[in-house]
Amino acid sequence: MDLLQSPDEYLFNLYTTSSSEARRLWKDRIKESWDNKCAYCGSEEDLTLDHVVPHCRGGSDMTKNIVCCCSSCNQSKGHEHWKLWYIQQDFYNEDNFNKIEDWMEPPAPILYRIRRRKNINY
């Protein structure tokens, strides 16, 4: 099953039956997308989810703004800008930095070709 953009989208999925199950699946899929490791330091212990751009700075609850994160990094980062915080850490890793940047890229828009409808007179 593909990773959907928000927990609400899982409600319309046949695999789910309730909003709590939808939220659990959504969180699990995000963690699986990061191989159950912290996006910042790579730890596999005490994993949570982190808003890369916090709500107080205009961040959303959409999948592209949420990464798997250990509690330690989540608390340390707090409301700071993630890039400024991350480059100051001893565990800074350019590959992880690029993965987070790629993760946050908005999905490509789905474009439809619209054709003029031909009027057929019978």
PDB file of N, CA and C in Angstrom:
ATOM      1  N   MET A   1       0.838  -1.172   0.000  1.00  0.00           N
ATOM      2  CA  MET A   1       0.000   0.000   0.000  1.00  0.00           C
ATOM      3  C   MET A   1       0.883   1.235   0.000  1.00  0.00           C
ATOM      4  N   ASP A   2       0.566   2.206  -0.819  1.00  0.00           N
ATOM      5  CA  ASP A   2       1.352   3.432  -0.907  1.00  0.00           C
ATOM      6  C   ASP A   2       1.125   4.312   0.309  1.00  0.00           C
ATOM      7  N   LEU A   3       2.095   5.179   0.566  1.00  0.00           N
ATOM      8  CA  LEU A   3       1.997   6.150   1.644  1.00  0.00           C
ATOM      9  C   LEU A   3       1.095   7.281   1.198  1.00  0.00           C
ATOM     10  N   LEU A   4       0.020   7.520   1.935  1.00  0.00           N
ATOM     11  CA  LEU A   4      -0.900   8.595   1.601  1.00  0.00           C
ATOM     12  C   LEU A   4      -0.471   9.866   2.308  1.00  0.00           C
ATOM     13  N   GLN A   5      -1.055  10.997   1.913  1.00  0.00           N
ATOM     14  CA  GLN A   5      -0.590  12.295   2.380  1.00  0.00           C
ATOM     15  C   GLN A   5      -1.055  12.691   3.774  1.00  0.00           C
ATOM     16  N   SER A   6      -2.163  12.162   4.254  1.00  0.00           N
ATOM     17  CA  SER A   6      -2.639  12.542   5.582  1.00  0.00           C
ATOM     18  C   SER A   6      -3.454  11.406   6.176  1.00  0.00           C
ATOM     19  N   PRO A   7      -3.635  11.425   7.496  1.00  0.00           N
ATOM     20  CA  PRO A   7      -4.404  10.341   8.112  1.00  0.00           C
ATOM     21  C   PRO A   7      -5.848  10.306   7.610  1.00  0.00           C
ATOM     22  N   ASP A   8      -6.394  11.455   7.256  1.00  0.00           N
ATOM     23  CA  ASP A   8      -7.772  11.486   6.768  1.00  0.00           C
ATOM     24  C   ASP A   8      -7.948  10.694   5.481  1.00  0.00           C
ATOM     25  N   GLU A   9      -6.913  10.657   4.647  1.00  0.00           N
ATOM     26  CA  GLU A   9      -7.011   9.918   3.396  1.00  0.00           C
ATOM     27  C   GLU A   9      -7.173   8.423   3.631  1.00  0.00           C
ATOM     28  N   TYR A  10      -6.658   7.942   4.766  1.00  0.00           N
ATOM     29  CA  TYR A  10      -6.789   6.522   5.064  1.00  0.00           C
ATOM     30  C   TYR A  10      -8.219   6.126   5.403  1.00  0.00           C
ATOM     31  N   LEU A  11      -9.030   7.069   5.813  1.00  0.00           N
ATOM     32  CA  LEU A  11     -10.420   6.751   6.130  1.00  0.00           C
ATOM     33  C   LEU A  11     -11.166   6.254   4.899  1.00  0.00           C
ATOM     34  N   PHE A  12     -10.752   6.706   3.738  1.00  0.00           N
ATOM     35  CA  PHE A  12     -11.407   6.310   2.503  1.00  0.00           C
ATOM     36  C   PHE A  12     -10.793   5.060   1.898  1.00  0.00           C
ATOM     37  N   ASN A  13      -9.806   4.540   2.556  1.00  0.00           N
ATOM     38  CA  ASN A  13      -9.125   3.357   2.066  1.00  0.00           C
ATOM     39  C   ASN A  13      -9.831   2.115   2.609  1.00  0.00           C
ATOM     40  N   LEU A  14     -10.001   1.116   1.781  1.00  0.00           N
ATOM     41  CA  LEU A  14     -10.713  -0.083   2.200  1.00  0.00           C
ATOM     42  C   LEU A  14      -9.991  -0.872   3.278  1.00  0.00           C
ATOM     43  N   TYR A  15      -8.705  -0.582   3.499  1.00  0.00           N
ATOM     44  CA  TYR A  15      -7.947  -1.312   4.500  1.00  0.00           C
ATOM     45  C   TYR A  15      -8.227  -0.827   5.921  1.00  0.00           C
ATOM     46  N   THR A  16      -8.881   0.301   6.063  1.00  0.00           N
ATOM     47  CA  THR A  16      -9.097   0.868   7.383  1.00  0.00           C
ATOM     48  C   THR A  16     -10.567   0.842   7.764  1.00  0.00           C
ATOM     49  N   THR A  17     -10.808   0.890   9.045  1.00  0.00           N
ATOM     50  CA  THR A  17     -12.185   0.854   9.525  1.00  0.00           C
ATOM     51  C   THR A  17     -12.513   1.994  10.473  1.00  0.00           C
ATOM     52  N   SER A  18     -11.521   2.668  11.003  1.00  0.00           N
ATOM     53  CA  SER A  18     -11.788   3.754  11.944  1.00  0.00           C
ATOM     54  C   SER A  18     -10.708   4.821  11.823  1.00  0.00           C
ATOM     55  N   SER A  19     -10.983   5.987  12.387  1.00  0.00           N
ATOM     56  CA  SER A  19     -10.000   7.062  12.308  1.00  0.00           C
ATOM     57  C   SER A  19      -8.740   6.739  13.110  1.00  0.00           C
ATOM     58  N   SER A  20      -8.881   6.039  14.235  1.00  0.00           N
ATOM     59  CA  SER A  20      -7.690   5.688  15.018  1.00  0.00           C
ATOM     60  C   SER A  20      -6.817   4.684  14.269  1.00  0.00           C
ATOM     61  N   GLU A  21      -7.453   3.735  13.576  1.00  0.00           N
ATOM     62  CA  GLU A  21      -6.692   2.777  12.765  1.00  0.00           C
ATOM     63  C   GLU A  21      -6.015   3.495  11.599  1.00  0.00           C
ATOM     64  N   ALA A  22      -6.711   4.453  11.001  1.00  0.00           N
ATOM     65  CA  ALA A  22      -6.145   5.230   9.894  1.00  0.00           C
ATOM     66  C   ALA A  22      -4.911   5.994  10.353  1.00  0.00           C
ATOM     67  N   ARG A  23      -4.998   6.633  11.503  1.00  0.00           N
ATOM     68  CA  ARG A  23      -3.858   7.392  12.034  1.00  0.00           C
ATOM     69  C   ARG A  23      -2.682   6.461  12.336  1.00  0.00           C
ATOM     70  N   ARG A  24      -2.955   5.305  12.915  1.00  0.00           N
ATOM     71  CA  ARG A  24      -1.899   4.340  13.234  1.00  0.00           C
ATOM     72  C   ARG A  24      -1.199   3.883  11.964  1.00  0.00           C
ATOM     73  N   LEU A  25      -1.975   3.550  10.917  1.00  0.00           N
ATOM     74  CA  LEU A  25      -1.382   3.120   9.641  1.00  0.00           C
ATOM     75  C   LEU A  25      -0.524   4.220   9.032  1.00  0.00           C
ATOM     76  N   TRP A  26      -1.018   5.430   9.084  1.00  0.00           N
ATOM     77  CA  TRP A  26      -0.293   6.571   8.520  1.00  0.00           C
ATOM     78  C   TRP A  26       1.048   6.750   9.236  1.00  0.00           C
ATOM     79  N   LYS A  27       1.029   6.709  10.557  1.00  0.00           N
ATOM     80  CA  LYS A  27       2.269   6.853  11.332  1.00  0.00           C
ATOM     81  C   LYS A  27       3.228   5.702  11.044  1.00  0.00           C
ATOM     82  N   ASP A  28       2.700   4.490  10.981  1.00  0.00           N
ATOM     83  CA  ASP A  28       3.539   3.326  10.688  1.00  0.00           C
ATOM     84  C   ASP A  28       4.185   3.440   9.318  1.00  0.00           C
ATOM     85  N   ARG A  29       3.445   3.921   8.332  1.00  0.00           N
ATOM     86  CA  ARG A  29       3.987   4.046   6.973  1.00  0.00           C
ATOM     87  C   ARG A  29       5.112   5.081   6.919  1.00  0.00           C
ATOM     88  N   ILE A  30       4.958   6.166   7.667  1.00  0.00           N
ATOM     89  CA  ILE A  30       6.026   7.175   7.697  1.00  0.00           C
ATOM     90  C   ILE A  30       7.286   6.568   8.315  1.00  0.00           C
ATOM     91  N   LYS A  31       7.133   5.865   9.427  1.00  0.00           N
ATOM     92  CA  LYS A  31       8.290   5.239  10.079  1.00  0.00           C
ATOM     93  C   LYS A  31       8.934   4.206   9.164  1.00  0.00           C
ATOM     94  N   GLU A  32       8.123   3.417   8.468  1.00  0.00           N
ATOM     95  CA  GLU A  32       8.662   2.423   7.528  1.00  0.00           C
ATOM     96  C   GLU A  32       9.402   3.097   6.378  1.00  0.00           C
ATOM     97  N   SER A  33       8.913   4.245   5.943  1.00  0.00           N
ATOM     98  CA  SER A  33       9.572   4.971   4.856  1.00  0.00           C
ATOM     99  C   SER A  33      10.973   5.420   5.243  1.00  0.00           C
ATOM    100  N   TRP A  34      11.202   5.580   6.550  1.00  0.00           N
ATOM    101  CA  TRP A  34      12.518   5.972   7.057  1.00  0.00           C
ATOM    102  C   TRP A  34      13.250   4.775   7.655  1.00  0.00           C
ATOM    103  N   ASP A  35      12.844   3.562   7.275  1.00  0.00           N
ATOM    104  CA  ASP A  35      13.465   2.315   7.752  1.00  0.00           C
ATOM    105  C   ASP A  35      13.480   2.220   9.277  1.00  0.00           C
ATOM    106  N   ASN A  36      12.467   2.795   9.907  1.00  0.00           N
ATOM    107  CA  ASN A  36      12.354   2.788  11.369  1.00  0.00           C
ATOM    108  C   ASN A  36      13.617   3.328  12.043  1.00  0.00           C
ATOM    109  N   LYS A  37      14.135   4.406  11.457  1.00  0.00           N
ATOM    110  CA  LYS A  37      15.305   5.091  12.011  1.00  0.00           C
ATOM    111  C   LYS A  37      15.030   6.589  12.035  1.00  0.00           C
ATOM    112  N   CYS A  38      15.648   7.260  12.974  1.00  0.00           N
ATOM    113  CA  CYS A  38      15.523   8.711  13.069  1.00  0.00           C
ATOM    114  C   CYS A  38      16.093   9.346  11.798  1.00  0.00           C
ATOM    115  N   ALA A  39      15.336  10.245  11.200  1.00  0.00           N
ATOM    116  CA  ALA A  39      15.785  10.913   9.976  1.00  0.00           C
ATOM    117  C   ALA A  39      17.025  11.764  10.217  1.00  0.00           C
ATOM    118  N   TYR A  40      17.222  12.205  11.444  1.00  0.00           N
ATOM    119  CA  TYR A  40      18.340  13.079  11.761  1.00  0.00           C
ATOM    120  C   TYR A  40      19.589  12.310  12.195  1.00  0.00           C
ATOM    121  N   CYS A  41      19.464  11.504  13.252  1.00  0.00           N
ATOM    122  CA  CYS A  41      20.663  10.863  13.815  1.00  0.00           C
ATOM    123  C   CYS A  41      20.778   9.378  13.475  1.00  0.00           C
ATOM    124  N   GLY A  42      19.714   8.771  12.982  1.00  0.00           N
ATOM    125  CA  GLY A  42      19.756   7.358  12.609  1.00  0.00           C
ATOM    126  C   GLY A  42      19.437   6.395  13.736  1.00  0.00           C
ATOM    127  N   SER A  43      19.083   6.898  14.912  1.00  0.00           N
ATOM    128  CA  SER A  43      18.758   6.037  16.049  1.00  0.00           C
ATOM    129  C   SER A  43      17.498   5.218  15.756  1.00  0.00           C
ATOM    130  N   GLU A  44      17.440   4.019  16.339  1.00  0.00           N
ATOM    131  CA  GLU A  44      16.274   3.154  16.173  1.00  0.00           C
ATOM    132  C   GLU A  44      15.464   3.058  17.466  1.00  0.00           C
ATOM    133  N   GLU A  45      15.825   3.858  18.460  1.00  0.00           N
ATOM    134  CA  GLU A  45      15.176   3.763  19.761  1.00  0.00           C
ATOM    135  C   GLU A  45      14.259   4.943  20.027  1.00  0.00           C
ATOM    136  N   ASP A  46      13.150   4.653  20.704  1.00  0.00           N
ATOM    137  CA  ASP A  46      12.190   5.658  21.157  1.00  0.00           C
ATOM    138  C   ASP A  46      11.742   6.578  20.012  1.00  0.00           C
ATOM    139  N   LEU A  47      11.254   5.974  18.932  1.00  0.00           N
ATOM    140  CA  LEU A  47      10.882   6.734  17.739  1.00  0.00           C
ATOM    141  C   LEU A  47       9.532   7.430  17.885  1.00  0.00           C
ATOM    142  N   THR A  48       9.482   8.644  17.373  1.00  0.00           N
ATOM    143  CA  THR A  48       8.266   9.447  17.322  1.00  0.00           C
ATOM    144  C   THR A  48       8.177  10.026  15.915  1.00  0.00           C
ATOM    145  N   LEU A  49       7.287  10.949  15.726  1.00  0.00           N
ATOM    146  CA  LEU A  49       7.209  11.683  14.465  1.00  0.00           C
ATOM    147  C   LEU A  49       7.495  13.142  14.751  1.00  0.00           C
ATOM    148  N   ASP A  50       8.176  13.802  13.825  1.00  0.00           N
ATOM    149  CA  ASP A  50       8.546  15.204  13.998  1.00  0.00           C
ATOM    150  C   ASP A  50       8.038  16.027  12.832  1.00  0.00           C
ATOM    151  N   HIS A  51       7.433  17.172  13.138  1.00  0.00           N
ATOM    152  CA  HIS A  51       7.085  18.140  12.098  1.00  0.00           C
ATOM    153  C   HIS A  51       8.378  18.865  11.741  1.00  0.00           C
ATOM    154  N   VAL A  52       8.855  18.679  10.528  1.00  0.00           N
ATOM    155  CA  VAL A  52      10.108  19.316  10.119  1.00  0.00           C
ATOM    156  C   VAL A  52       9.956  20.834  10.248  1.00  0.00           C
ATOM    157  N   VAL A  53       8.875  21.364   9.707  1.00  0.00           N
ATOM    158  CA  VAL A  53       8.529  22.769   9.924  1.00  0.00           C
ATOM    159  C   VAL A  53       7.425  22.766  10.976  1.00  0.00           C
ATOM    160  N   PRO A  54       7.709  23.242  12.191  1.00  0.00           N
ATOM    161  CA  PRO A  54       6.720  23.176  13.273  1.00  0.00           C
ATOM    162  C   PRO A  54       5.446  23.965  12.953  1.00  0.00           C
ATOM    163  N   HIS A  55       4.358  23.580  13.616  1.00  0.00           N
ATOM    164  CA  HIS A  55       3.089  24.291  13.432  1.00  0.00           C
ATOM    165  C   HIS A  55       3.244  25.787  13.671  1.00  0.00           C
ATOM    166  N   CYS A  56       4.013  26.162  14.698  1.00  0.00           N
ATOM    167  CA  CYS A  56       4.157  27.576  15.042  1.00  0.00           C
ATOM    168  C   CYS A  56       4.882  28.373  13.954  1.00  0.00           C
ATOM    169  N   ARG A  57       5.545  27.668  13.039  1.00  0.00           N
ATOM    170  CA  ARG A  57       6.228  28.332  11.922  1.00  0.00           C
ATOM    171  C   ARG A  57       5.510  28.093  10.600  1.00  0.00           C
ATOM    172  N   GLY A  58       4.256  27.654  10.690  1.00  0.00           N
ATOM    173  CA  GLY A  58       3.450  27.482   9.478  1.00  0.00           C
ATOM    174  C   GLY A  58       3.467  26.083   8.901  1.00  0.00           C
ATOM    175  N   GLY A  59       4.035  25.127   9.603  1.00  0.00           N
ATOM    176  CA  GLY A  59       4.091  23.754   9.112  1.00  0.00           C
ATOM    177  C   GLY A  59       2.731  23.079   9.158  1.00  0.00           C
ATOM    178  N   SER A  60       2.557  22.093   8.297  1.00  0.00           N
ATOM    179  CA  SER A  60       1.278  21.395   8.211  1.00  0.00           C
ATOM    180  C   SER A  60       1.390  19.974   8.763  1.00  0.00           C
ATOM    181  N   ASP A  61       0.260  19.290   8.798  1.00  0.00           N
ATOM    182  CA  ASP A  61       0.222  17.892   9.211  1.00  0.00           C
ATOM    183  C   ASP A  61       0.318  16.948   8.023  1.00  0.00           C
ATOM    184  N   MET A  62       0.708  17.458   6.883  1.00  0.00           N
ATOM    185  CA  MET A  62       0.820  16.626   5.690  1.00  0.00           C
ATOM    186  C   MET A  62       2.077  15.754   5.785  1.00  0.00           C
ATOM    187  N   THR A  63       2.031  14.626   5.122  1.00  0.00           N
ATOM    188  CA  THR A  63       3.112  13.646   5.168  1.00  0.00           C
ATOM    189  C   THR A  63       4.462  14.250   4.829  1.00  0.00           C
ATOM    190  N   LYS A  64       4.515  15.125   3.869  1.00  0.00           N
ATOM    191  CA  LYS A  64       5.783  15.701   3.416  1.00  0.00           C
ATOM    192  C   LYS A  64       6.450  16.590   4.462  1.00  0.00           C
ATOM    193  N   ASN A  65       5.731  16.926   5.538  1.00  0.00           N
ATOM    194  CA  ASN A  65       6.307  17.753   6.593  1.00  0.00           C
ATOM    195  C   ASN A  65       6.605  16.939   7.849  1.00  0.00           C
ATOM    196  N   ILE A  66       6.436  15.631   7.787  1.00  0.00           N
ATOM    197  CA  ILE A  66       6.614  14.802   8.980  1.00  0.00           C
ATOM    198  C   ILE A  66       7.621  13.697   8.695  1.00  0.00           C
ATOM    199  N   VAL A  67       8.600  13.563   9.576  1.00  0.00           N
ATOM    200  CA  VAL A  67       9.617  12.521   9.438  1.00  0.00           C
ATOM    201  C   VAL A  67       9.668  11.678  10.708  1.00  0.00           C
ATOM    202  N   CYS A  68      10.224  10.491  10.578  1.00  0.00           N
ATOM    203  CA  CYS A  68      10.479   9.634  11.723  1.00  0.00           C
ATOM    204  C   CYS A  68      11.638  10.249  12.503  1.00  0.00           C
ATOM    205  N   CYS A  69      11.499  10.303  13.812  1.00  0.00           N
ATOM    206  CA  CYS A  69      12.481  11.010  14.618  1.00  0.00           C
ATOM    207  C   CYS A  69      12.543  10.394  16.013  1.00  0.00           C
ATOM    208  N   CYS A  70      13.714  10.315  16.593  1.00  0.00           N
ATOM    209  CA  CYS A  70      13.816   9.825  17.972  1.00  0.00           C
ATOM    210  C   CYS A  70      13.395  10.956  18.923  1.00  0.00           C
ATOM    211  N   SER A  71      12.986  10.586  20.109  1.00  0.00           N
ATOM    212  CA  SER A  71      12.527  11.578  21.091  1.00  0.00           C
ATOM    213  C   SER A  71      13.612  12.594  21.421  1.00  0.00           C
ATOM    214  N   SER A  72      14.849  12.136  21.477  1.00  0.00           N
ATOM    215  CA  SER A  72      15.956  13.024  21.817  1.00  0.00           C
ATOM    216  C   SER A  72      16.109  14.146  20.783  1.00  0.00           C
ATOM    217  N   CYS A  73      16.112  13.787  19.510  1.00  0.00           N
ATOM    218  CA  CYS A  73      16.231  14.800  18.451  1.00  0.00           C
ATOM    219  C   CYS A  73      14.996  15.695  18.425  1.00  0.00           C
ATOM    220  N   ASN A  74      13.830  15.091  18.608  1.00  0.00           N
ATOM    221  CA  ASN A  74      12.587  15.848  18.573  1.00  0.00           C
ATOM    222  C   ASN A  74      12.577  16.923  19.661  1.00  0.00           C
ATOM    223  N   GLN A  75      12.980  16.560  20.855  1.00  0.00           N
ATOM    224  CA  GLN A  75      13.009  17.526  21.958  1.00  0.00           C
ATOM    225  C   GLN A  75      14.118  18.555  21.772  1.00  0.00           C
ATOM    226  N   SER A  76      15.262  18.119  21.262  1.00  0.00           N
ATOM    227  CA  SER A  76      16.384  19.033  21.052  1.00  0.00           C
ATOM    228  C   SER A  76      16.054  20.076  19.982  1.00  0.00           C
ATOM    229  N   LYS A  77      15.411  19.641  18.915  1.00  0.00           N
ATOM    230  CA  LYS A  77      15.065  20.543  17.814  1.00  0.00           C
ATOM    231  C   LYS A  77      14.007  21.541  18.242  1.00  0.00           C
ATOM    232  N   GLY A  78      13.008  21.077  18.960  1.00  0.00           N
ATOM    233  CA  GLY A  78      11.945  21.976  19.426  1.00  0.00           C
ATOM    234  C   GLY A  78      11.306  22.734  18.274  1.00  0.00           C
ATOM    235  N   HIS A  79      11.289  24.069  18.374  1.00  0.00           N
ATOM    236  CA  HIS A  79      10.663  24.913  17.354  1.00  0.00           C
ATOM    237  C   HIS A  79      11.688  25.574  16.435  1.00  0.00           C
ATOM    238  N   GLU A  80      12.930  25.130  16.511  1.00  0.00           N
ATOM    239  CA  GLU A  80      13.973  25.730  15.669  1.00  0.00           C
ATOM    240  C   GLU A  80      13.786  25.361  14.205  1.00  0.00           C
ATOM    241  N   HIS A  81      14.383  26.168  13.335  1.00  0.00           N
ATOM    242  CA  HIS A  81      14.395  25.829  11.911  1.00  0.00           C
ATOM    243  C   HIS A  81      15.256  24.585  11.765  1.00  0.00           C
ATOM    244  N   TRP A  82      14.742  23.575  11.100  1.00  0.00           N
ATOM    245  CA  TRP A  82      15.418  22.275  11.069  1.00  0.00           C
ATOM    246  C   TRP A  82      16.817  22.341  10.466  1.00  0.00           C
ATOM    247  N   LYS A  83      17.016  23.141   9.421  1.00  0.00           N
ATOM    248  CA  LYS A  83      18.339  23.193   8.780  1.00  0.00           C
ATOM    249  C   LYS A  83      19.377  23.802   9.716  1.00  0.00           C
ATOM    250  N   LEU A  84      19.008  24.904  10.366  1.00  0.00           N
ATOM    251  CA  LEU A  84      19.948  25.552  11.287  1.00  0.00           C
ATOM    252  C   LEU A  84      20.280  24.639  12.457  1.00  0.00           C
ATOM    253  N   TRP A  85      19.260  23.958  12.970  1.00  0.00           N
ATOM    254  CA  TRP A  85      19.478  23.030  14.083  1.00  0.00           C
ATOM    255  C   TRP A  85      20.340  21.855  13.647  1.00  0.00           C
ATOM    256  N   TYR A  86      20.013  21.266  12.507  1.00  0.00           N
ATOM    257  CA  TYR A  86      20.664  20.022  12.091  1.00  0.00           C
ATOM    258  C   TYR A  86      22.148  20.207  11.786  1.00  0.00           C
ATOM    259  N   ILE A  87      22.529  21.276  11.121  1.00  0.00           N
ATOM    260  CA  ILE A  87      23.949  21.446  10.766  1.00  0.00           C
ATOM    261  C   ILE A  87      24.826  21.693  11.995  1.00  0.00           C
ATOM    262  N   GLN A  88      24.222  22.042  13.120  1.00  0.00           N
ATOM    263  CA  GLN A  88      24.985  22.269  14.352  1.00  0.00           C
ATOM    264  C   GLN A  88      25.182  20.991  15.165  1.00  0.00           C
ATOM    265  N   GLN A  89      24.545  19.899  14.757  1.00  0.00           N
ATOM    266  CA  GLN A  89      24.613  18.662  15.532  1.00  0.00           C
ATOM    267  C   GLN A  89      25.877  17.860  15.202  1.00  0.00           C
ATOM    268  N   ASP A  90      26.390  17.143  16.195  1.00  0.00           N
ATOM    269  CA  ASP A  90      27.574  16.299  15.999  1.00  0.00           C
ATOM    270  C   ASP A  90      27.297  15.176  15.005  1.00  0.00           C
ATOM    271  N   PHE A  91      26.059  14.730  14.933  1.00  0.00           N
ATOM    272  CA  PHE A  91      25.694  13.618  14.055  1.00  0.00           C
ATOM    273  C   PHE A  91      25.250  14.084  12.670  1.00  0.00           C
ATOM    274  N   TYR A  92      25.479  15.360  12.340  1.00  0.00           N
ATOM    275  CA  TYR A  92      25.085  15.882  11.022  1.00  0.00           C
ATOM    276  C   TYR A  92      25.628  14.979   9.920  1.00  0.00           C
ATOM    277  N   ASN A  93      24.760  14.682   8.967  1.00  0.00           N
ATOM    278  CA  ASN A  93      25.121  13.813   7.857  1.00  0.00           C
ATOM    279  C   ASN A  93      24.510  14.402   6.595  1.00  0.00           C
ATOM    280  N   GLU A  94      25.342  14.688   5.607  1.00  0.00           N
ATOM    281  CA  GLU A  94      24.851  15.327   4.385  1.00  0.00           C
ATOM    282  C   GLU A  94      23.851  14.445   3.636  1.00  0.00           C
ATOM    283  N   ASP A  95      24.055  13.123   3.662  1.00  0.00           N
ATOM    284  CA  ASP A  95      23.110  12.219   3.002  1.00  0.00           C
ATOM    285  C   ASP A  95      21.732  12.315   3.650  1.00  0.00           C
ATOM    286  N   ASN A  96      21.679  12.310   4.975  1.00  0.00           N
ATOM    287  CA  ASN A  96      20.397  12.441   5.670  1.00  0.00           C
ATOM    288  C   ASN A  96      19.762  13.800   5.402  1.00  0.00           C
ATOM    289  N   PHE A  97      20.593  14.833   5.363  1.00  0.00           N
ATOM    290  CA  PHE A  97      20.108  16.179   5.059  1.00  0.00           C
ATOM    291  C   PHE A  97      19.409  16.181   3.698  1.00  0.00           C
ATOM    292  N   ASN A  98      20.048  15.571   2.704  1.00  0.00           N
ATOM    293  CA  ASN A  98      19.476  15.522   1.355  1.00  0.00           C
ATOM    294  C   ASN A  98      18.213  14.660   1.303  1.00  0.00           C
ATOM    295  N   LYS A  99      18.186  13.575   2.084  1.00  0.00           N
ATOM    296  CA  LYS A  99      16.984  12.729   2.124  1.00  0.00           C
ATOM    297  C   LYS A  99      15.796  13.506   2.669  1.00  0.00           C
ATOM    298  N   ILE A 100      16.040  14.301   3.705  1.00  0.00           N
ATOM    299  CA  ILE A 100      14.961  15.109   4.279  1.00  0.00           C
ATOM    300  C   ILE A 100      14.494  16.148   3.274  1.00  0.00           C
ATOM    301  N   GLU A 101      15.430  16.781   2.606  1.00  0.00           N
ATOM    302  CA  GLU A 101      15.068  17.773   1.582  1.00  0.00           C
ATOM    303  C   GLU A 101      14.230  17.126   0.475  1.00  0.00           C
ATOM    304  N   ASP A 102      14.644  15.941   0.013  1.00  0.00           N
ATOM    305  CA  ASP A 102      13.902  15.235  -1.028  1.00  0.00           C
ATOM    306  C   ASP A 102      12.512  14.842  -0.531  1.00  0.00           C
ATOM    307  N   TRP A 103      12.450  14.392   0.720  1.00  0.00           N
ATOM    308  CA  TRP A 103      11.172  13.985   1.313  1.00  0.00           C
ATOM    309  C   TRP A 103      10.178  15.147   1.320  1.00  0.00           C
ATOM    310  N   MET A 104      10.695  16.344   1.577  1.00  0.00           N
ATOM    311  CA  MET A 104       9.825  17.510   1.709  1.00  0.00           C
ATOM    312  C   MET A 104       9.380  18.092   0.371  1.00  0.00           C
ATOM    313  N   GLU A 105       9.973  17.620  -0.724  1.00  0.00           N
ATOM    314  CA  GLU A 105       9.560  18.100  -2.047  1.00  0.00           C
ATOM    315  C   GLU A 105       8.074  17.830  -2.241  1.00  0.00           C
ATOM    316  N   PRO A 106       7.321  18.825  -2.675  1.00  0.00           N
ATOM    317  CA  PRO A 106       5.895  18.572  -2.911  1.00  0.00           C
ATOM    318  C   PRO A 106       5.709  17.598  -4.072  1.00  0.00           C
ATOM    319  N   PRO A 107       4.655  16.786  -4.010  1.00  0.00           N
ATOM    320  CA  PRO A 107       4.423  15.848  -5.105  1.00  0.00           C
ATOM    321  C   PRO A 107       4.118  16.600  -6.402  1.00  0.00           C
ATOM    322  N   ALA A 108       4.493  15.995  -7.509  1.00  0.00           N
ATOM    323  CA  ALA A 108       4.233  16.606  -8.805  1.00  0.00           C
ATOM    324  C   ALA A 108       2.732  16.692  -9.032  1.00  0.00           C
ATOM    325  N   PRO A 109       2.274  17.808  -9.559  1.00  0.00           N
ATOM    326  CA  PRO A 109       0.835  17.935  -9.796  1.00  0.00           C
ATOM    327  C   PRO A 109       0.384  16.965 -10.893  1.00  0.00           C
ATOM    328  N   ILE A 110      -0.821  16.514 -10.749  1.00  0.00           N
ATOM    329  CA  ILE A 110      -1.409  15.651 -11.771  1.00  0.00           C
ATOM    330  C   ILE A 110      -2.111  16.555 -12.769  1.00  0.00           C
ATOM    331  N   LEU A 111      -1.610  16.547 -13.958  1.00  0.00           N
ATOM    332  CA  LEU A 111      -2.169  17.420 -14.985  1.00  0.00           C
ATOM    333  C   LEU A 111      -3.053  16.608 -15.926  1.00  0.00           C
ATOM    334  N   TYR A 112      -4.154  17.196 -16.260  1.00  0.00           N
ATOM    335  CA  TYR A 112      -5.080  16.550 -17.180  1.00  0.00           C
ATOM    336  C   TYR A 112      -5.138  17.361 -18.453  1.00  0.00           C
ATOM    337  N   ARG A 113      -5.256  16.657 -19.531  1.00  0.00           N
ATOM    338  CA  ARG A 113      -5.402  17.331 -20.807  1.00  0.00           C
ATOM    339  C   ARG A 113      -6.892  17.493 -21.069  1.00  0.00           C
ATOM    340  N   ILE A 114      -7.276  18.706 -21.285  1.00  0.00           N
ATOM    341  CA  ILE A 114      -8.685  18.977 -21.537  1.00  0.00           C
ATOM    342  C   ILE A 114      -8.870  19.225 -23.017  1.00  0.00           C
ATOM    343  N   ARG A 115      -9.769  18.475 -23.587  1.00  0.00           N
ATOM    344  CA  ARG A 115     -10.062  18.654 -25.005  1.00  0.00           C
ATOM    345  C   ARG A 115     -11.435  19.285 -25.155  1.00  0.00           C
ATOM    346  N   ARG A 116     -11.536  20.037 -26.192  1.00  0.00           N
ATOM    347  CA  ARG A 116     -12.843  20.622 -26.480  1.00  0.00           C
ATOM    348  C   ARG A 116     -13.799  19.521 -26.894  1.00  0.00           C
ATOM    349  N   ARG A 117     -14.958  19.626 -26.409  1.00  0.00           N
ATOM    350  CA  ARG A 117     -15.972  18.643 -26.762  1.00  0.00           C
ATOM    351  C   ARG A 117     -16.587  19.027 -28.095  1.00  0.00           C
ATOM    352  N   LYS A 118     -16.675  18.049 -28.941  1.00  0.00           N
ATOM    353  CA  LYS A 118     -17.262  18.298 -30.256  1.00  0.00           C
ATOM    354  C   LYS A 118     -18.775  18.141 -30.155  1.00  0.00           C
ATOM    355  N   ASN A 119     -19.472  19.110 -30.669  1.00  0.00           N
ATOM    356  CA  ASN A 119     -20.915  19.017 -30.710  1.00  0.00           C
ATOM    357  C   ASN A 119     -21.323  18.224 -31.950  1.00  0.00           C
ATOM    358  N   ILE A 120     -21.983  17.203 -31.705  1.00  0.00           N
ATOM    359  CA  ILE A 120     -22.426  16.375 -32.823  1.00  0.00           C
ATOM    360  C   ILE A 120     -23.934  16.576 -32.969  1.00  0.00           C
ATOM    361  N   ASN A 121     -24.317  17.053 -34.117  1.00  0.00           N
ATOM    362  CA  ASN A 121     -25.739  17.272 -34.401  1.00  0.00           C
ATOM    363  C   ASN A 121     -26.261  16.127 -35.240  1.00  0.00           C
ATOM    364  N   TYR A 122     -27.286  15.488 -34.753  1.00  0.00           N
ATOM    365  CA  TYR A 122     -27.868  14.394 -35.499  1.00  0.00           C
ATOM    366  C   TYR A 122     -29.159  14.829 -36.122  1.00  0.00           C
TER     367      TYR A 122
END
